């Protein structure tokens, strides 16, 4: 798991819950790095999950709510960090059509040693979009938060549903986004 997840969740937590909370959680984490992460380095999923669990316990937010909040925050940060990738997209669906390219081409250029997970984005019609993501470690609530951030960024009203498909080798989550119709 890329260090950017660690650096950004710690920055969000410091901003929302204060330095004392972050310092306490980092001391309980016992990662041996005093909460210092390099956004480009790889860290274990287990360590990130432990960090989220400790933050959840300390802040009394459910892991689900904390992960959704973080996903929304992370999307807003990615807009800032990767502004060119967001430019030129007029709505959520247009942006999501570019995600497959961004993930598989651009991220592979930046992180050539990383094996990227299966990701499929497909516009069904003008009001429906489906994204399927396969991974052994699906972070569904974080993804939902990122969709919430995307919706906010493009100022669109969407309905999101999730379907879990369990396999032996991997888990697949299928997200269906539907644009809400305005009734006249």
Foldseek 3Di string as FASTA:
>chain_A
DFQLLLVQLLVVCCVPPNPVLSQVLLVVLPPPPSSDTDRGDDDDPVSVVSSLVSSCVSVVNDSLVSLLQSLLSVLVVCCVVVVVLVPPQQALLSSQVCVVVCQPPVVCVVPVPDDDWDWDWDDPDPFKIKIKTKDQDDPVSSVNSNVVNRCVVNVFDKDKDWDWDDDPVIIMIMIMIGGDDDDD
